[in-house]
Amino acid sequence: MRKLRHFALYEIRREGEYGFIPEEYSKFKHGALNIARRYGYNLAEKFIADCFADQYGGEPIVILPSAYSHIPAASFHICKYFTDRLNIWLFENNFQAVEEAKIYRTVSYRDDYGLMSAEQRYNLICGDEFHVDKALVEGKTLIHIDDIKITGTHERVIMNLFDKYGMTNDCFMLYFAELANPDIPPMIENQLNYAFVKSLDDVDCIIKSETFGFNTRVVKYILNTASESFDRFIATQSSAFIIDLYCKAIGNGYFKFPAYRRNLEKLRSIVGMH
């Protein structure tokens, strides 16, 4: 019988009262790794203090970030820094470091979950296929990490995946934040995602003033902008940035979406010059 435990660093019970700064969260969702590092460390330290240190007996642990294909989601970076901080605690207490695994997904979406209801999210994500290395995780405690829990759709999908594989592992479901008031509409996620980012100028500000790393959201945001804005933005980026953006977009299959095609062709023409 699986033991399922939940933990969130912040619980959202009233609109406008989050415990964290929405503008910083928006920067994190669009590639600010320095903010992801702080979020991951804070989540790990609170989790260790509240749920882990006095209960852990040395059993093997596997960390599972949110499912992704080629480009990781923003929450992957919280997971990475959470793992670093947890491993330090394990080492200092004479335990083995965690193992890391991946939940594979086969479908890339242009749709933005933040604008959807719970039913719409579930209907969309049910069309995806997810895979995990059962042999790697068998008999081990799992820690799955995501940035925010709004409707619980992703968690339902993960539990369905475990059931499909016959996995009964004990599991922690960890979140940076959780919507704990069902009277608040799920679209609050969209408000948080875009509290800072209103245009490509804001993305450029993150690239130039924060420690930047690509994730699915920021890649889609860049590709989805109008051609004139996109061209102005790309003209100010480095060759390395442009090549990386192009390769990641191809790797995630974004060439399949007509809305992205023009901007991808622009990237292709620039990359061909190098």
Protein backbone atom coordinates (compact mmCIF):
# COMPACT_ATOMS: atom_id res chain seq x y z
CA MET A 1 0.00 0.00 0.00
CA ARG A 2 1.44 3.35 -1.07
CA LYS A 3 1.89 6.04 1.56
CA LEU A 4 1.33 9.43 -0.10
CA ARG A 5 2.39 12.61 1.70
CA HIS A 6 2.09 16.24 0.60
CA PHE A 7 4.10 19.31 1.45
CA ALA A 8 4.01 22.89 0.15
CA LEU A 9 6.33 25.72 1.14
CA TYR A 10 3.47 28.21 0.71
CA GLU A 11 -0.30 27.76 0.85
CA ILE A 12 -2.43 30.29 -1.02
CA ARG A 13 -5.64 30.92 0.89
CA ARG A 14 -6.44 34.50 -0.14
CA GLU A 15 -5.94 36.30 -3.42
CA GLY A 16 -3.07 38.73 -3.15
CA GLU A 17 -1.58 36.96 -0.11
CA TYR A 18 1.01 34.49 -1.35
CA GLY A 19 3.97 34.54 1.02
CA PHE A 20 6.23 35.09 -1.98
CA ILE A 21 6.63 37.93 -4.49
CA PRO A 22 4.55 37.34 -7.64
CA GLU A 23 6.95 39.30 -9.84
CA GLU A 24 9.84 37.10 -8.72
CA TYR A 25 7.77 33.99 -9.38
CA SER A 26 7.04 35.28 -12.89
CA LYS A 27 10.77 35.79 -13.49
CA PHE A 28 11.44 32.26 -12.27
CA LYS A 29 8.81 30.88 -14.68
CA HIS A 30 10.60 32.67 -17.52
CA GLY A 31 14.12 31.47 -16.85
CA ALA A 32 15.60 33.18 -13.75
CA LEU A 33 17.78 30.39 -12.34
CA ASN A 34 19.00 32.46 -9.39
CA ILE A 35 15.41 32.65 -8.16
CA ALA A 36 14.90 28.92 -8.83
CA ARG A 37 17.98 28.26 -6.67
CA ARG A 38 16.53 30.22 -3.76
CA TYR A 39 13.15 28.52 -4.14
CA GLY A 40 14.73 25.06 -4.26
CA TYR A 41 16.94 25.66 -1.24
CA ASN A 42 14.06 27.12 0.79
CA LEU A 43 11.76 24.23 -0.12
CA ALA A 44 14.41 21.69 0.87
CA GLU A 45 15.25 23.35 4.17
CA LYS A 46 11.60 23.64 5.23
CA PHE A 47 10.84 20.08 4.11
CA ILE A 48 13.84 18.68 5.99
CA ALA A 49 12.90 20.57 9.16
CA ASP A 50 9.16 19.86 9.10
CA CYS A 51 8.74 16.44 7.48
CA PHE A 52 12.00 14.61 7.03
CA ALA A 53 14.84 14.97 9.52
CA ASP A 54 13.19 13.20 12.44
CA GLN A 55 11.57 10.46 10.32
CA TYR A 56 14.20 9.42 7.81
CA GLY A 57 15.79 6.01 8.36
CA GLY A 58 18.23 5.79 5.47
CA GLU A 59 15.96 4.20 2.84
CA PRO A 60 16.97 4.89 -0.80
CA ILE A 61 15.36 7.96 -2.36
CA VAL A 62 14.66 8.81 -5.99
CA ILE A 63 13.90 12.40 -7.00
CA LEU A 64 11.38 12.88 -9.82
CA PRO A 65 10.95 16.33 -11.40
CA SER A 66 7.89 17.21 -13.45
CA ALA A 67 7.55 15.29 -16.70
CA TYR A 68 9.26 16.73 -19.77
CA SER A 69 10.50 15.75 -23.20
CA HIS A 70 13.57 17.70 -24.39
CA ILE A 71 13.29 21.06 -22.65
CA PRO A 72 12.61 20.89 -18.91
CA ALA A 73 9.85 22.87 -17.26
CA ALA A 74 10.73 25.74 -14.93
CA SER A 75 10.04 23.49 -11.93
CA PHE A 76 12.91 21.23 -13.02
CA HIS A 77 15.31 23.89 -11.77
CA ILE A 78 13.63 24.08 -8.35
CA CYS A 79 13.98 20.31 -8.25
CA LYS A 80 17.68 20.50 -9.15
CA TYR A 81 18.50 22.92 -6.35
CA PHE A 82 16.24 21.09 -3.89
CA THR A 83 18.26 17.94 -4.65
CA ASP A 84 21.55 19.74 -4.07
CA ARG A 85 20.41 21.00 -0.67
CA LEU A 86 18.91 17.66 0.38
CA ASN A 87 22.11 15.85 -0.63
CA ILE A 88 24.15 18.16 1.58
CA TRP A 89 21.93 17.27 4.54
CA LEU A 90 22.17 13.56 3.74
CA PHE A 91 25.95 13.72 3.48
CA GLU A 92 26.29 15.65 6.73
CA ASN A 93 24.17 12.99 8.47
CA ASN A 94 26.06 10.03 6.99
CA PHE A 95 23.36 8.97 4.52
CA GLN A 96 23.65 8.15 0.82
CA ALA A 97 22.85 10.81 -1.78
CA VAL A 98 19.57 10.54 -3.66
CA GLU A 99 19.17 9.06 -7.11
CA GLU A 100 17.55 11.06 -9.90
CA ALA A 101 15.06 9.82 -12.49
CA LYS A 102 12.94 11.31 -15.24
CA ILE A 103 9.28 11.07 -16.13
CA TYR A 104 9.23 11.08 -19.92
CA ARG A 105 6.43 12.67 -21.88
CA THR A 106 5.81 12.31 -25.62
CA VAL A 107 3.58 15.29 -26.47
CA SER A 108 4.44 19.00 -26.53
CA TYR A 109 1.68 21.57 -26.13
CA ARG A 110 1.25 25.13 -27.26
CA ASP A 111 -1.67 25.59 -24.82
CA ASP A 112 -1.14 27.44 -21.55
CA TYR A 113 -2.41 25.51 -18.50
CA GLY A 114 -2.65 28.74 -16.52
CA LEU A 115 -5.71 29.81 -18.53
CA MET A 116 -7.59 26.51 -18.11
CA SER A 117 -10.10 25.07 -15.70
CA ALA A 118 -9.38 21.81 -13.88
CA GLU A 119 -11.42 19.80 -16.39
CA GLN A 120 -9.73 21.43 -19.40
CA ARG A 121 -6.29 20.73 -17.95
CA TYR A 122 -7.09 17.09 -17.32
CA ASN A 123 -8.62 16.56 -20.77
CA LEU A 124 -5.55 18.07 -22.41
CA ILE A 125 -2.91 16.23 -20.44
CA CYS A 126 -4.74 12.88 -20.75
CA GLY A 127 -3.81 12.92 -24.42
CA ASP A 128 -0.14 12.68 -23.48
CA GLU A 129 1.88 9.54 -22.80
CA PHE A 130 4.18 9.28 -19.78
CA HIS A 131 6.91 6.79 -19.00
CA VAL A 132 9.23 6.09 -16.08
CA ASP A 133 12.04 3.61 -15.48
CA LYS A 134 10.25 1.21 -13.12
CA ALA A 135 13.39 -0.84 -12.47
CA LEU A 136 15.28 2.24 -11.26
CA VAL A 137 12.62 3.39 -8.80
CA GLU A 138 11.38 0.02 -7.55
CA GLY A 139 11.38 -0.31 -3.76
CA LYS A 140 12.54 3.27 -3.18
CA THR A 141 10.92 6.32 -1.65
CA LEU A 142 9.96 8.83 -4.34
CA ILE A 143 10.02 12.61 -4.04
CA HIS A 144 8.16 14.36 -6.85
CA ILE A 145 8.64 18.12 -7.08
CA ASP A 146 6.59 20.74 -8.92
CA ASP A 147 6.41 24.51 -8.62
CA ILE A 148 2.72 25.06 -7.93
CA LYS A 149 -0.35 22.90 -7.36
CA ILE A 150 -3.51 24.55 -8.61
CA THR A 151 -6.05 21.88 -9.56
CA GLY A 152 -4.02 18.74 -8.86
CA THR A 153 -4.20 17.61 -12.51
CA HIS A 154 -0.50 16.78 -12.80
CA GLU A 155 -0.59 14.87 -9.53
CA ARG A 156 -3.53 12.79 -10.78
CA VAL A 157 -1.61 11.99 -13.93
CA ILE A 158 1.48 10.96 -11.95
CA MET A 159 -0.60 8.71 -9.69
CA ASN A 160 -2.23 7.15 -12.78
CA LEU A 161 1.24 6.53 -14.19
CA PHE A 162 2.37 4.80 -10.99
CA ASP A 163 -0.77 2.67 -10.99
CA LYS A 164 -0.23 1.71 -14.63
CA TYR A 165 3.26 0.47 -13.80
CA GLY A 166 2.08 -1.25 -10.62
CA MET A 167 4.28 1.01 -8.49
CA THR A 168 3.32 1.13 -4.81
CA ASN A 169 6.29 3.23 -3.67
CA ASP A 170 5.89 5.60 -0.75
CA CYS A 171 5.84 9.05 -2.27
CA PHE A 172 6.22 12.68 -1.21
CA MET A 173 4.48 15.23 -3.45
CA LEU A 174 6.31 18.52 -2.88
CA TYR A 175 5.33 21.95 -4.14
CA PHE A 176 6.76 25.43 -3.89
CA ALA A 177 3.17 26.67 -3.50
CA GLU A 178 -0.32 25.20 -3.40
CA LEU A 179 -3.73 26.78 -3.98
CA ALA A 180 -5.45 25.78 -0.75
CA ASN A 181 -8.70 27.69 -1.28
CA PRO A 182 -11.05 26.09 -3.86
CA ASP A 183 -13.02 29.35 -4.09
CA ILE A 184 -10.08 31.01 -5.87
CA PRO A 185 -10.31 30.35 -9.65
CA PRO A 186 -7.48 28.30 -11.20
CA MET A 187 -6.69 31.22 -13.51
CA ILE A 188 -4.79 32.75 -10.59
CA GLU A 189 -1.89 30.69 -11.91
CA ASN A 190 -1.85 32.79 -15.07
CA GLN A 191 -1.72 35.98 -13.00
CA LEU A 192 1.31 34.66 -11.14
CA ASN A 193 3.02 33.43 -14.30
CA TYR A 194 2.82 36.85 -15.92
CA ALA A 195 3.06 39.18 -12.91
CA PHE A 196 6.36 40.49 -14.28
CA VAL A 197 6.51 39.34 -17.89
CA LYS A 198 4.23 41.39 -20.13
CA SER A 199 6.38 41.50 -23.28
CA LEU A 200 9.68 40.33 -24.75
CA ASP A 201 11.30 43.41 -23.24
CA ASP A 202 10.66 41.85 -19.83
CA VAL A 203 12.13 38.52 -20.96
CA ASP A 204 15.17 40.42 -22.23
CA CYS A 205 15.45 42.07 -18.80
CA ILE A 206 15.55 38.61 -17.18
CA ILE A 207 18.20 37.41 -19.64
CA LYS A 208 20.39 40.46 -19.06
CA SER A 209 19.94 40.97 -15.31
CA GLU A 210 19.36 37.47 -13.88
CA THR A 211 21.08 34.10 -14.24
CA PHE A 212 19.14 32.78 -17.22
CA GLY A 213 18.30 29.24 -18.36
CA PHE A 214 15.78 28.01 -20.92
CA ASN A 215 12.58 26.21 -19.97
CA THR A 216 9.48 25.25 -21.92
CA ARG A 217 7.49 28.33 -20.92
CA VAL A 218 10.04 30.93 -21.94
CA VAL A 219 10.84 29.16 -25.22
CA LYS A 220 7.16 29.07 -26.16
CA TYR A 221 6.68 32.67 -25.07
CA ILE A 222 9.54 33.83 -27.30
CA LEU A 223 8.38 31.81 -30.31
CA ASN A 224 4.76 32.94 -29.94
CA THR A 225 5.41 36.68 -30.25
CA ALA A 226 4.63 38.84 -33.28
CA SER A 227 7.33 38.89 -35.94
CA GLU A 228 8.40 42.52 -35.46
CA SER A 229 8.81 42.11 -31.69
CA PHE A 230 10.56 38.79 -32.19
CA ASP A 231 13.02 40.24 -34.70
CA ARG A 232 13.88 43.20 -32.44
CA PHE A 233 14.40 40.83 -29.51
CA ILE A 234 16.57 38.36 -31.41
CA ALA A 235 18.73 41.18 -32.80
CA THR A 236 19.96 41.93 -29.26
CA GLN A 237 20.80 38.31 -28.31
CA SER A 238 24.11 36.50 -28.61
CA SER A 239 24.83 33.86 -31.24
CA ALA A 240 25.05 31.23 -28.51
CA PHE A 241 21.59 32.19 -27.23
CA ILE A 242 20.06 32.04 -30.72
CA ILE A 243 21.57 28.65 -31.52
CA ASP A 244 20.50 27.25 -28.16
CA LEU A 245 16.95 28.56 -28.59
CA TYR A 246 16.73 27.08 -32.10
CA CYS A 247 18.04 23.67 -31.05
CA LYS A 248 15.75 23.46 -28.03
CA ALA A 249 12.70 24.42 -30.09
CA ILE A 250 13.49 21.71 -32.63
CA GLY A 251 14.20 19.15 -29.92
CA ASN A 252 10.80 19.76 -28.33
CA GLY A 253 8.98 19.50 -31.65
CA TYR A 254 7.79 23.09 -31.79
CA PHE A 255 8.23 23.12 -35.58
CA LYS A 256 4.91 21.23 -35.65
CA PHE A 257 2.97 24.34 -34.61
CA PRO A 258 2.10 26.76 -37.45
CA ALA A 259 2.04 29.69 -35.02
CA TYR A 260 5.77 29.20 -34.32
CA ARG A 261 6.87 28.48 -37.89
CA ARG A 262 7.71 31.99 -39.03
CA ASN A 263 9.92 32.76 -36.02
CA LEU A 264 11.62 29.37 -36.28
CA GLU A 265 12.42 30.09 -39.91
CA LYS A 266 13.94 33.39 -38.81
CA LEU A 267 16.12 31.54 -36.30
CA ARG A 268 17.05 29.00 -38.96
CA SER A 269 18.23 31.73 -41.30
CA ILE A 270 20.38 33.30 -38.58
CA VAL A 271 21.84 29.98 -37.42
CA GLY A 272 22.72 29.17 -41.04
CA MET A 273 24.98 32.21 -41.13
CA HIS A 274 27.21 30.90 -38.32
